[in-house]
């Protein structure tokens, strides 16, 4: 009887599946979370060395490096 309980406990522990992160993998997500011709990244807040240029969707900012900004020609 004791071995039956032990076997049941082992089966219960083996049947447990830890939760995994679902959704797109990191490489596909990186492609869809980019902006500005794949030079920028969509984030809620830009880091100190990035600047905000346009919006990504409705609530994210397109953060890009200042060297990737286009030059503005002024007459």
PDB file of N, CA and C in Angstrom:
ATOM      1  N   UNK A   1       0.827  -1.194   0.000  1.00  0.00           N
ATOM      2  CA  UNK A   1       0.000   0.000   0.000  1.00  0.00           C
ATOM      3  C   UNK A   1       0.872   1.258   0.000  1.00  0.00           C
ATOM      4  N   UNK A   2       1.967   1.172   0.733  1.00  0.00           N
ATOM      5  CA  UNK A   2       2.854   2.330   0.800  1.00  0.00           C
ATOM      6  C   UNK A   2       3.491   2.615  -0.565  1.00  0.00           C
ATOM      7  N   UNK A   3       3.840   1.584  -1.281  1.00  0.00           N
ATOM      8  CA  UNK A   3       4.451   1.787  -2.594  1.00  0.00           C
ATOM      9  C   UNK A   3       3.434   2.354  -3.589  1.00  0.00           C
ATOM     10  N   UNK A   4       2.162   2.021  -3.436  1.00  0.00           N
ATOM     11  CA  UNK A   4       1.127   2.572  -4.304  1.00  0.00           C
ATOM     12  C   UNK A   4       0.999   4.080  -4.094  1.00  0.00           C
ATOM     13  N   UNK A   5       1.052   4.509  -2.846  1.00  0.00           N
ATOM     14  CA  UNK A   5       0.999   5.941  -2.562  1.00  0.00           C
ATOM     15  C   UNK A   5       2.221   6.659  -3.141  1.00  0.00           C
ATOM     16  N   UNK A   6       3.369   6.033  -3.014  1.00  0.00           N
ATOM     17  CA  UNK A   6       4.585   6.620  -3.552  1.00  0.00           C
ATOM     18  C   UNK A   6       4.507   6.745  -5.074  1.00  0.00           C
ATOM     19  N   UNK A   7       3.984   5.740  -5.730  1.00  0.00           N
ATOM     20  CA  UNK A   7       3.833   5.775  -7.186  1.00  0.00           C
ATOM     21  C   UNK A   7       2.857   6.871  -7.599  1.00  0.00           C
ATOM     22  N   UNK A   8       1.754   7.027  -6.873  1.00  0.00           N
ATOM     23  CA  UNK A   8       0.789   8.079  -7.184  1.00  0.00           C
ATOM     24  C   UNK A   8       1.405   9.471  -7.016  1.00  0.00           C
ATOM     25  N   UNK A   9       2.180   9.648  -5.961  1.00  0.00           N
ATOM     26  CA  UNK A   9       2.833  10.939  -5.736  1.00  0.00           C
ATOM     27  C   UNK A   9       3.823  11.235  -6.861  1.00  0.00           C
ATOM     28  N   UNK A  10       4.567  10.229  -7.279  1.00  0.00           N
ATOM     29  CA  UNK A  10       5.529  10.416  -8.367  1.00  0.00           C
ATOM     30  C   UNK A  10       4.808  10.781  -9.659  1.00  0.00           C
ATOM     31  N   UNK A  11       3.706  10.120  -9.964  1.00  0.00           N
ATOM     32  CA  UNK A  11       2.948  10.436 -11.178  1.00  0.00           C
ATOM     33  C   UNK A  11       2.364  11.845 -11.135  1.00  0.00           C
ATOM     34  N   UNK A  12       1.889  12.256  -9.973  1.00  0.00           N
ATOM     35  CA  UNK A  12       1.345  13.611  -9.848  1.00  0.00           C
ATOM     36  C   UNK A  12       2.450  14.641 -10.065  1.00  0.00           C
ATOM     37  N   UNK A  13       3.621  14.407  -9.487  1.00  0.00           N
ATOM     38  CA  UNK A  13       4.727  15.347  -9.657  1.00  0.00           C
ATOM     39  C   UNK A  13       5.243  15.361 -11.093  1.00  0.00           C
ATOM     40  N   UNK A  14       5.244  14.234 -11.752  1.00  0.00           N
ATOM     41  CA  UNK A  14       5.702  14.181 -13.135  1.00  0.00           C
ATOM     42  C   UNK A  14       4.697  14.785 -14.108  1.00  0.00           C
ATOM     43  N   UNK A  15       3.434  14.787 -13.739  1.00  0.00           N
ATOM     44  CA  UNK A  15       2.421  15.335 -14.639  1.00  0.00           C
ATOM     45  C   UNK A  15       2.334  16.855 -14.560  1.00  0.00           C
ATOM     46  N   UNK A  16       3.000  17.459 -13.586  1.00  0.00           N
ATOM     47  CA  UNK A  16       2.985  18.910 -13.457  1.00  0.00           C
ATOM     48  C   UNK A  16       3.792  19.533 -14.584  1.00  0.00           C
ATOM     49  N   UNK A  17       3.175  20.449 -15.305  1.00  0.00           N
ATOM     50  CA  UNK A  17       3.845  21.159 -16.388  1.00  0.00           C
ATOM     51  C   UNK A  17       4.009  22.606 -15.948  1.00  0.00           C
ATOM     52  N   UNK A  18       5.239  23.063 -15.807  1.00  0.00           N
ATOM     53  CA  UNK A  18       5.426  24.450 -15.386  1.00  0.00           C
ATOM     54  C   UNK A  18       4.930  25.406 -16.459  1.00  0.00           C
ATOM     55  N   UNK A  19       4.410  26.552 -16.056  1.00  0.00           N
ATOM     56  CA  UNK A  19       3.908  27.510 -17.042  1.00  0.00           C
ATOM     57  C   UNK A  19       5.053  28.051 -17.892  1.00  0.00           C
ATOM     58  N   UNK A  20       4.800  28.149 -19.165  1.00  0.00           N
ATOM     59  CA  UNK A  20       5.806  28.665 -20.094  1.00  0.00           C
ATOM     60  C   UNK A  20       5.314  29.974 -20.684  1.00  0.00           C
ATOM     61  N   UNK A  21       6.213  30.737 -21.165  1.00  0.00           N
ATOM     62  CA  UNK A  21       5.849  31.999 -21.792  1.00  0.00           C
ATOM     63  C   UNK A  21       5.271  31.698 -23.164  1.00  0.00           C
ATOM     64  N   UNK A  22       4.069  32.139 -23.377  1.00  0.00           N
ATOM     65  CA  UNK A  22       3.427  31.867 -24.658  1.00  0.00           C
ATOM     66  C   UNK A  22       3.580  33.069 -25.573  1.00  0.00           C
ATOM     67  N   UNK A  23       3.291  32.871 -26.802  1.00  0.00           N
ATOM     68  CA  UNK A  23       3.356  33.962 -27.759  1.00  0.00           C
ATOM     69  C   UNK A  23       4.485  33.773 -28.739  1.00  0.00           C
ATOM     70  N   UNK A  24       4.783  34.836 -29.448  1.00  0.00           N
ATOM     71  CA  UNK A  24       5.823  34.795 -30.467  1.00  0.00           C
ATOM     72  C   UNK A  24       7.198  34.670 -29.828  1.00  0.00           C
ATOM     73  N   UNK A  25       8.100  34.026 -30.528  1.00  0.00           N
ATOM     74  CA  UNK A  25       9.442  33.948 -29.973  1.00  0.00           C
ATOM     75  C   UNK A  25      10.140  35.292 -30.101  1.00  0.00           C
ATOM     76  N   UNK A  26      11.295  35.410 -29.489  1.00  0.00           N
ATOM     77  CA  UNK A  26      11.949  36.712 -29.357  1.00  0.00           C
ATOM     78  C   UNK A  26      12.378  37.291 -30.702  1.00  0.00           C
ATOM     79  N   UNK A  27      12.748  36.461 -31.667  1.00  0.00           N
ATOM     80  CA  UNK A  27      13.208  36.978 -32.951  1.00  0.00           C
ATOM     81  C   UNK A  27      12.050  37.545 -33.767  1.00  0.00           C
ATOM     82  N   UNK A  28      10.919  36.859 -33.768  1.00  0.00           N
ATOM     83  CA  UNK A  28       9.755  37.365 -34.494  1.00  0.00           C
ATOM     84  C   UNK A  28       9.210  38.609 -33.807  1.00  0.00           C
ATOM     85  N   UNK A  29       9.185  38.612 -32.476  1.00  0.00           N
ATOM     86  CA  UNK A  29       8.691  39.774 -31.744  1.00  0.00           C
ATOM     87  C   UNK A  29       9.572  40.991 -32.000  1.00  0.00           C
ATOM     88  N   UNK A  30      10.876  40.800 -32.138  1.00  0.00           N
ATOM     89  CA  UNK A  30      11.782  41.918 -32.389  1.00  0.00           C
ATOM     90  C   UNK A  30      11.493  42.571 -33.738  1.00  0.00           C
ATOM     91  N   UNK A  31      11.122  41.769 -34.735  1.00  0.00           N
ATOM     92  CA  UNK A  31      10.806  42.324 -36.052  1.00  0.00           C
ATOM     93  C   UNK A  31       9.530  43.154 -35.993  1.00  0.00           C
ATOM     94  N   UNK A  32       8.505  42.663 -35.277  1.00  0.00           N
ATOM     95  CA  UNK A  32       7.241  43.382 -35.217  1.00  0.00           C
ATOM     96  C   UNK A  32       7.279  44.553 -34.253  1.00  0.00           C
ATOM     97  N   UNK A  33       8.228  44.593 -33.324  1.00  0.00           N
ATOM     98  CA  UNK A  33       8.335  45.686 -32.373  1.00  0.00           C
ATOM     99  C   UNK A  33       9.315  46.761 -32.830  1.00  0.00           C
ATOM    100  N   UNK A  34       9.683  46.750 -34.086  1.00  0.00           N
ATOM    101  CA  UNK A  34      10.601  47.766 -34.576  1.00  0.00           C
ATOM    102  C   UNK A  34       9.837  48.825 -35.359  1.00  0.00           C
ATOM    103  N   UNK A  35      10.479  49.938 -35.542  1.00  0.00           N
ATOM    104  CA  UNK A  35       9.879  51.036 -36.289  1.00  0.00           C
ATOM    105  C   UNK A  35      10.994  51.774 -37.011  1.00  0.00           C
ATOM    106  N   UNK A  36      10.637  52.744 -37.797  1.00  0.00           N
ATOM    107  CA  UNK A  36      11.565  53.606 -38.509  1.00  0.00           C
ATOM    108  C   UNK A  36      12.547  52.782 -39.333  1.00  0.00           C
ATOM    109  N   UNK A  37      11.997  51.966 -40.225  1.00  0.00           N
ATOM    110  CA  UNK A  37      12.783  51.122 -41.127  1.00  0.00           C
ATOM    111  C   UNK A  37      13.740  50.198 -40.373  1.00  0.00           C
ATOM    112  N   UNK A  38      13.243  49.587 -39.318  1.00  0.00           N
ATOM    113  CA  UNK A  38      13.978  48.637 -38.471  1.00  0.00           C
ATOM    114  C   UNK A  38      15.149  49.265 -37.724  1.00  0.00           C
ATOM    115  N   UNK A  39      15.210  50.597 -37.656  1.00  0.00           N
ATOM    116  CA  UNK A  39      16.281  51.258 -36.912  1.00  0.00           C
ATOM    117  C   UNK A  39      15.847  51.629 -35.503  1.00  0.00           C
ATOM    118  N   UNK A  40      14.551  51.705 -35.257  1.00  0.00           N
ATOM    119  CA  UNK A  40      14.047  52.083 -33.950  1.00  0.00           C
ATOM    120  C   UNK A  40      13.393  50.921 -33.236  1.00  0.00           C
ATOM    121  N   UNK A  41      13.057  51.150 -31.965  1.00  0.00           N
ATOM    122  CA  UNK A  41      12.425  50.136 -31.130  1.00  0.00           C
ATOM    123  C   UNK A  41      11.206  50.762 -30.470  1.00  0.00           C
ATOM    124  N   UNK A  42      10.090  50.039 -30.468  1.00  0.00           N
ATOM    125  CA  UNK A  42       8.869  50.523 -29.829  1.00  0.00           C
ATOM    126  C   UNK A  42       8.942  50.232 -28.332  1.00  0.00           C
ATOM    127  N   UNK A  43       8.874  51.283 -27.530  1.00  0.00           N
ATOM    128  CA  UNK A  43       8.931  51.155 -26.072  1.00  0.00           C
ATOM    129  C   UNK A  43       7.958  52.135 -25.441  1.00  0.00           C
ATOM    130  N   UNK A  44       7.692  51.909 -24.142  1.00  0.00           N
ATOM    131  CA  UNK A  44       6.846  52.851 -23.409  1.00  0.00           C
ATOM    132  C   UNK A  44       7.623  54.112 -23.052  1.00  0.00           C
ATOM    133  N   UNK A  45       8.936  53.974 -22.816  1.00  0.00           N
ATOM    134  CA  UNK A  45       9.772  55.120 -22.456  1.00  0.00           C
ATOM    135  C   UNK A  45      11.149  54.916 -23.076  1.00  0.00           C
ATOM    136  N   UNK A  46      11.679  55.955 -23.688  1.00  0.00           N
ATOM    137  CA  UNK A  46      12.997  55.861 -24.323  1.00  0.00           C
ATOM    138  C   UNK A  46      14.095  55.955 -23.271  1.00  0.00           C
ATOM    139  N   UNK A  47      15.226  55.321 -23.560  1.00  0.00           N
ATOM    140  CA  UNK A  47      16.371  55.428 -22.661  1.00  0.00           C
ATOM    141  C   UNK A  47      17.024  56.796 -22.837  1.00  0.00           C
ATOM    142  N   UNK A  48      18.034  57.075 -22.015  1.00  0.00           N
ATOM    143  CA  UNK A  48      18.662  58.400 -22.037  1.00  0.00           C
ATOM    144  C   UNK A  48      19.413  58.679 -23.332  1.00  0.00           C
ATOM    145  N   UNK A  49      19.959  57.647 -23.959  1.00  0.00           N
ATOM    146  CA  UNK A  49      20.734  57.865 -25.178  1.00  0.00           C
ATOM    147  C   UNK A  49      19.903  57.711 -26.447  1.00  0.00           C
ATOM    148  N   UNK A  50      18.588  57.648 -26.324  1.00  0.00           N
ATOM    149  CA  UNK A  50      17.693  57.552 -27.478  1.00  0.00           C
ATOM    150  C   UNK A  50      16.756  58.753 -27.499  1.00  0.00           C
ATOM    151  N   UNK A  51      16.204  59.023 -28.669  1.00  0.00           N
ATOM    152  CA  UNK A  51      15.235  60.105 -28.780  1.00  0.00           C
ATOM    153  C   UNK A  51      13.940  59.562 -29.365  1.00  0.00           C
ATOM    154  N   UNK A  52      12.856  60.246 -29.048  1.00  0.00           N
ATOM    155  CA  UNK A  52      11.526  59.860 -29.513  1.00  0.00           C
ATOM    156  C   UNK A  52      11.251  60.567 -30.828  1.00  0.00           C
ATOM    157  N   UNK A  53      10.763  59.813 -31.805  1.00  0.00           N
ATOM    158  CA  UNK A  53      10.499  60.417 -33.108  1.00  0.00           C
ATOM    159  C   UNK A  53       9.030  60.336 -33.479  1.00  0.00           C
ATOM    160  N   UNK A  54       8.458  59.149 -33.534  1.00  0.00           N
ATOM    161  CA  UNK A  54       7.061  58.965 -33.909  1.00  0.00           C
ATOM    162  C   UNK A  54       6.417  57.996 -32.930  1.00  0.00           C
ATOM    163  N   UNK A  55       5.129  57.759 -33.097  1.00  0.00           N
ATOM    164  CA  UNK A  55       4.418  56.811 -32.248  1.00  0.00           C
ATOM    165  C   UNK A  55       4.361  55.441 -32.906  1.00  0.00           C
ATOM    166  N   UNK A  56       4.409  54.408 -32.077  1.00  0.00           N
ATOM    167  CA  UNK A  56       4.172  53.028 -32.524  1.00  0.00           C
ATOM    168  C   UNK A  56       2.798  52.639 -31.992  1.00  0.00           C
ATOM    169  N   UNK A  57       1.834  52.557 -32.839  1.00  0.00           N
ATOM    170  CA  UNK A  57       0.487  52.245 -32.375  1.00  0.00           C
ATOM    171  C   UNK A  57      -0.094  53.435 -31.638  1.00  0.00           C
ATOM    172  N   UNK A  58      -0.724  53.170 -30.490  1.00  0.00           N
ATOM    173  CA  UNK A  58      -1.368  54.247 -29.750  1.00  0.00           C
ATOM    174  C   UNK A  58      -0.661  54.611 -28.458  1.00  0.00           C
ATOM    175  N   UNK A  59       0.112  53.694 -27.879  1.00  0.00           N
ATOM    176  CA  UNK A  59       0.684  54.001 -26.572  1.00  0.00           C
ATOM    177  C   UNK A  59       2.171  53.694 -26.465  1.00  0.00           C
ATOM    178  N   UNK A  60       2.871  53.504 -27.568  1.00  0.00           N
ATOM    179  CA  UNK A  60       4.305  53.256 -27.527  1.00  0.00           C
ATOM    180  C   UNK A  60       5.038  54.317 -28.339  1.00  0.00           C
ATOM    181  N   UNK A  61       6.279  54.575 -27.943  1.00  0.00           N
ATOM    182  CA  UNK A  61       7.114  55.546 -28.633  1.00  0.00           C
ATOM    183  C   UNK A  61       8.120  54.820 -29.508  1.00  0.00           C
ATOM    184  N   UNK A  62       8.452  55.407 -30.625  1.00  0.00           N
ATOM    185  CA  UNK A  62       9.507  54.872 -31.487  1.00  0.00           C
ATOM    186  C   UNK A  62      10.814  55.513 -31.037  1.00  0.00           C
ATOM    187  N   UNK A  63      11.634  54.767 -30.330  1.00  0.00           N
ATOM    188  CA  UNK A  63      12.890  55.276 -29.789  1.00  0.00           C
ATOM    189  C   UNK A  63      14.023  54.913 -30.739  1.00  0.00           C
ATOM    190  N   UNK A  64      14.751  55.930 -31.203  1.00  0.00           N
ATOM    191  CA  UNK A  64      15.854  55.680 -32.125  1.00  0.00           C
ATOM    192  C   UNK A  64      17.094  56.426 -31.660  1.00  0.00           C
ATOM    193  N   UNK A  65      18.214  55.965 -32.125  1.00  0.00           N
ATOM    194  CA  UNK A  65      19.493  56.596 -31.823  1.00  0.00           C
ATOM    195  C   UNK A  65      19.589  57.908 -32.602  1.00  0.00           C
ATOM    196  N   UNK A  66      20.211  58.939 -32.032  1.00  0.00           N
ATOM    197  CA  UNK A  66      20.327  60.210 -32.762  1.00  0.00           C
ATOM    198  C   UNK A  66      21.086  60.080 -34.078  1.00  0.00           C
ATOM    199  N   UNK A  67      22.010  59.136 -34.185  1.00  0.00           N
ATOM    200  CA  UNK A  67      22.755  58.987 -35.440  1.00  0.00           C
ATOM    201  C   UNK A  67      21.892  58.389 -36.543  1.00  0.00           C
ATOM    202  N   UNK A  68      20.791  57.728 -36.194  1.00  0.00           N
ATOM    203  CA  UNK A  68      19.893  57.152 -37.191  1.00  0.00           C
ATOM    204  C   UNK A  68      18.792  58.110 -37.623  1.00  0.00           C
ATOM    205  N   UNK A  69      18.732  59.279 -37.004  1.00  0.00           N
ATOM    206  CA  UNK A  69      17.739  60.268 -37.402  1.00  0.00           C
ATOM    207  C   UNK A  69      18.081  60.812 -38.780  1.00  0.00           C
ATOM    208  N   UNK A  70      17.082  61.057 -39.603  1.00  0.00           N
ATOM    209  CA  UNK A  70      17.370  61.634 -40.919  1.00  0.00           C
ATOM    210  C   UNK A  70      17.784  63.097 -40.782  1.00  0.00           C
ATOM    211  N   UNK A  71      18.611  63.535 -41.686  1.00  0.00           N
ATOM    212  CA  UNK A  71      19.018  64.940 -41.670  1.00  0.00           C
ATOM    213  C   UNK A  71      17.927  65.774 -42.326  1.00  0.00           C
ATOM    214  N   UNK A  72      17.653  66.908 -41.737  1.00  0.00           N
ATOM    215  CA  UNK A  72      16.635  67.808 -42.264  1.00  0.00           C
ATOM    216  C   UNK A  72      17.315  68.882 -43.101  1.00  0.00           C
ATOM    217  N   UNK A  73      16.868  69.035 -44.310  1.00  0.00           N
ATOM    218  CA  UNK A  73      17.423  70.043 -45.203  1.00  0.00           C
ATOM    219  C   UNK A  73      16.562  71.295 -45.120  1.00  0.00           C
ATOM    220  N   UNK A  74      17.178  72.378 -44.723  1.00  0.00           N
ATOM    221  CA  UNK A  74      16.463  73.644 -44.568  1.00  0.00           C
ATOM    222  C   UNK A  74      17.088  74.660 -45.515  1.00  0.00           C
ATOM    223  N   UNK A  75      16.234  75.392 -46.234  1.00  0.00           N
ATOM    224  CA  UNK A  75      16.727  76.444 -47.134  1.00  0.00           C
ATOM    225  C   UNK A  75      16.799  77.753 -46.414  1.00  0.00           C
TER     226      UNK A  75
END
